Amino acid sequence: MAPDPSVLSPLLRWRAFTIASVICLALGASLVALAPDSSLLAERIVTYTTGKTISLSAKVGSVSIHSVEFTDRGRGSSPGGLAGLVARGGASETSTTLHSHFIVENPSTEEWQVTFTLEFLDKSGKLIDKATKKSSWEGEAKPLDLDHPILQYVVPSIAQVRIKLEGRHE
């Protein structure tokens, strides 16, 4: 005995509609979930001020860069402690070290490497100096510290810092 075609047809249409709806919702949800993590580049321009935490709210891959704080370590400072002083033959009175402290986290178990490029700009947006550092995060929150030696006399000319972030999945 064959089923009545008038009953079977609406039932099959309802199942097909339900399955198609579920597939569309799943695809849409996966695209929305992928969108914030899909960018491998981010750029922020911040005002150069020392001693204040500046919010960045940047995301590269699954790595979140929350904030940065700049510090001028002063004349004659030298990164690397005593070894840095010996290697350079002593600290120069004409230079200083700009210290950048980033708060960074990667909650995922996948390892991501991020390259931080800082471009120190004057008030007209012209490049004064540039610093770069790479680091990796895998399921952790850890700060990144970047020390950059620079001539003391140009520091008052720094008005802004362009922070370029480039991520790579390891």
Protein backbone atom coordinates (compact mmCIF):
# COMPACT_ATOMS: atom_id res chain seq x y z
CA MET A 1 0.00 0.00 0.00
CA ALA A 2 1.56 3.29 -1.16
CA PRO A 3 1.34 6.48 0.93
CA ASP A 4 -1.10 9.14 -0.16
CA PRO A 5 0.88 11.64 -2.36
CA SER A 6 -1.16 14.60 -1.05
CA VAL A 7 0.10 13.93 2.53
CA LEU A 8 3.67 13.03 1.56
CA SER A 9 4.37 16.09 -0.55
CA PRO A 10 3.73 18.76 2.19
CA LEU A 11 5.72 16.68 4.69
CA LEU A 12 8.71 16.43 2.34
CA ARG A 13 8.51 20.16 1.57
CA TRP A 14 8.46 20.99 5.29
CA ARG A 15 11.52 18.79 5.97
CA ALA A 16 13.41 20.27 3.01
CA PHE A 17 12.56 23.80 4.19
CA THR A 18 13.69 23.01 7.75
CA ILE A 19 16.97 21.47 6.61
CA ALA A 20 17.69 24.38 4.25
CA SER A 21 16.94 26.90 7.04
CA VAL A 22 19.26 25.15 9.47
CA ILE A 23 22.06 25.05 6.87
CA CYS A 24 21.62 28.77 6.07
CA LEU A 25 21.67 29.69 9.76
CA ALA A 26 24.78 27.58 10.38
CA LEU A 27 26.62 29.14 7.44
CA GLY A 28 25.59 32.65 8.45
CA ALA A 29 26.67 32.08 12.05
CA SER A 30 30.05 30.70 10.98
CA LEU A 31 30.67 33.72 8.72
CA VAL A 32 29.75 36.12 11.53
CA ALA A 33 32.01 34.25 13.95
CA LEU A 34 34.85 34.27 11.42
CA ALA A 35 34.62 37.97 10.56
CA PRO A 36 36.36 39.48 13.63
CA ASP A 37 39.17 36.91 13.53
CA SER A 38 39.79 37.03 9.80
CA SER A 39 41.94 40.16 9.72
CA LEU A 40 45.69 39.67 9.78
CA LEU A 41 46.42 43.41 9.81
CA ALA A 42 45.46 46.24 12.13
CA GLU A 43 46.60 49.82 12.43
CA ARG A 44 46.04 52.45 15.10
CA ILE A 45 47.32 56.01 15.38
CA VAL A 46 47.58 57.29 18.94
CA THR A 47 48.73 60.51 20.53
CA TYR A 48 52.20 60.16 22.02
CA THR A 49 51.94 60.67 25.78
CA THR A 50 54.09 59.09 28.44
CA GLY A 51 52.84 57.49 31.63
CA LYS A 52 49.25 56.93 30.45
CA THR A 53 47.63 53.70 29.34
CA ILE A 54 46.15 54.12 25.85
CA SER A 55 43.39 51.75 24.73
CA LEU A 56 44.01 50.09 21.36
CA SER A 57 41.21 47.49 21.13
CA ALA A 58 42.92 45.84 18.15
CA LYS A 59 42.62 42.22 17.06
CA VAL A 60 44.93 40.31 14.73
CA GLY A 61 43.85 36.73 14.12
CA SER A 62 42.90 35.49 17.58
CA VAL A 63 45.35 37.83 19.34
CA SER A 64 43.85 40.84 21.14
CA ILE A 65 46.02 43.90 21.75
CA HIS A 66 44.29 45.79 24.55
CA SER A 67 46.52 48.76 25.35
CA VAL A 68 49.92 50.43 25.18
CA GLU A 69 51.82 52.64 27.61
CA PHE A 70 54.83 54.72 26.55
CA THR A 71 57.68 55.65 28.87
CA ASP A 72 60.75 57.80 28.20
CA ARG A 73 63.54 56.19 30.19
CA GLY A 74 65.58 59.41 30.13
CA ARG A 75 68.97 60.57 28.97
CA GLY A 76 71.79 58.12 29.10
CA SER A 77 69.43 55.16 29.47
CA SER A 78 70.40 52.00 27.70
CA PRO A 79 68.39 48.87 26.99
CA GLY A 80 70.04 45.66 28.06
CA GLY A 81 71.43 46.78 31.44
CA LEU A 82 75.16 46.47 32.07
CA ALA A 83 75.72 44.27 29.00
CA GLY A 84 74.15 46.98 26.80
CA LEU A 85 76.41 49.62 28.32
CA VAL A 86 79.56 47.55 27.75
CA ALA A 87 78.59 46.67 24.16
CA ARG A 88 78.05 50.32 23.24
CA GLY A 89 80.98 51.65 25.25
CA GLY A 90 78.80 53.54 27.75
CA ALA A 91 75.51 55.40 27.64
CA SER A 92 75.25 58.50 25.52
CA GLU A 93 74.00 61.71 27.04
CA THR A 94 72.40 62.57 23.68
CA SER A 95 70.15 59.52 23.52
CA THR A 96 67.25 58.05 25.44
CA THR A 97 65.19 54.89 25.26
CA LEU A 98 61.48 54.96 24.51
CA HIS A 99 59.77 52.01 26.19
CA SER A 100 56.42 50.69 24.90
CA HIS A 101 54.47 48.25 27.08
CA PHE A 102 51.62 46.38 25.32
CA ILE A 103 48.97 44.24 27.05
CA VAL A 104 48.27 41.29 24.73
CA GLU A 105 46.36 38.01 24.93
CA ASN A 106 45.52 35.00 22.79
CA PRO A 107 42.83 32.81 24.39
CA SER A 108 42.97 30.20 21.62
CA THR A 109 45.26 27.17 21.73
CA GLU A 110 46.61 28.02 18.28
CA GLU A 111 49.94 29.85 18.16
CA TRP A 112 49.96 33.28 16.52
CA GLN A 113 52.95 35.50 15.83
CA VAL A 114 52.39 39.26 15.73
CA THR A 115 54.81 41.84 14.34
CA PHE A 116 54.55 45.23 16.05
CA THR A 117 55.80 48.20 14.01
CA LEU A 118 55.83 51.60 15.71
CA GLU A 119 56.26 54.70 13.57
CA PHE A 120 56.97 57.84 15.57
CA LEU A 121 55.42 60.82 13.74
CA ASP A 122 55.70 64.59 14.09
CA LYS A 123 52.67 66.90 14.21
CA SER A 124 52.46 67.02 10.39
CA GLY A 125 52.48 63.20 10.17
CA LYS A 126 56.06 62.86 8.91
CA LEU A 127 58.09 59.86 10.04
CA ILE A 128 60.72 60.59 12.69
CA ASP A 129 61.80 57.05 13.55
CA LYS A 130 60.58 53.45 13.42
CA ALA A 131 60.83 50.36 15.67
CA THR A 132 59.79 46.74 15.12
CA LYS A 133 59.45 43.64 17.29
CA LYS A 134 57.88 40.18 16.89
CA SER A 135 56.46 37.85 19.50
CA SER A 136 54.21 34.78 19.68
CA TRP A 137 51.21 33.90 21.84
CA GLU A 138 49.55 30.52 22.34
CA GLY A 139 46.69 30.26 24.84
CA GLU A 140 48.14 32.95 27.07
CA ALA A 141 48.11 36.57 28.11
CA LYS A 142 51.52 38.19 28.33
CA PRO A 143 52.83 41.69 27.81
CA LEU A 144 55.15 42.76 25.02
CA ASP A 145 57.87 45.28 25.86
CA LEU A 146 59.62 47.16 23.08
CA ASP A 147 62.63 49.35 23.91
CA HIS A 148 63.80 51.74 21.20
CA PRO A 149 66.92 53.90 21.49
CA ILE A 150 66.45 57.35 19.97
CA LEU A 151 68.19 60.73 19.99
CA GLN A 152 66.94 62.80 22.91
CA TYR A 153 66.47 66.01 20.92
CA VAL A 154 63.80 64.48 18.60
CA VAL A 155 61.57 63.18 21.42
CA PRO A 156 59.74 66.54 21.93
CA SER A 157 58.87 66.45 18.19
CA ILE A 158 56.94 63.17 18.51
CA ALA A 159 53.22 63.96 18.34
CA GLN A 160 51.74 60.60 17.34
CA VAL A 161 52.63 56.93 17.02
CA ARG A 162 51.29 54.80 14.19
CA ILE A 163 51.07 51.22 15.45
CA LYS A 164 50.95 48.59 12.71
CA LEU A 165 50.14 45.02 13.68
CA GLU A 166 50.63 42.06 11.38
CA GLY A 167 49.63 38.54 12.42
CA ARG A 168 50.68 35.14 11.20
CA HIS A 169 49.31 31.75 12.24
CA GLU A 170 52.17 29.48 13.28
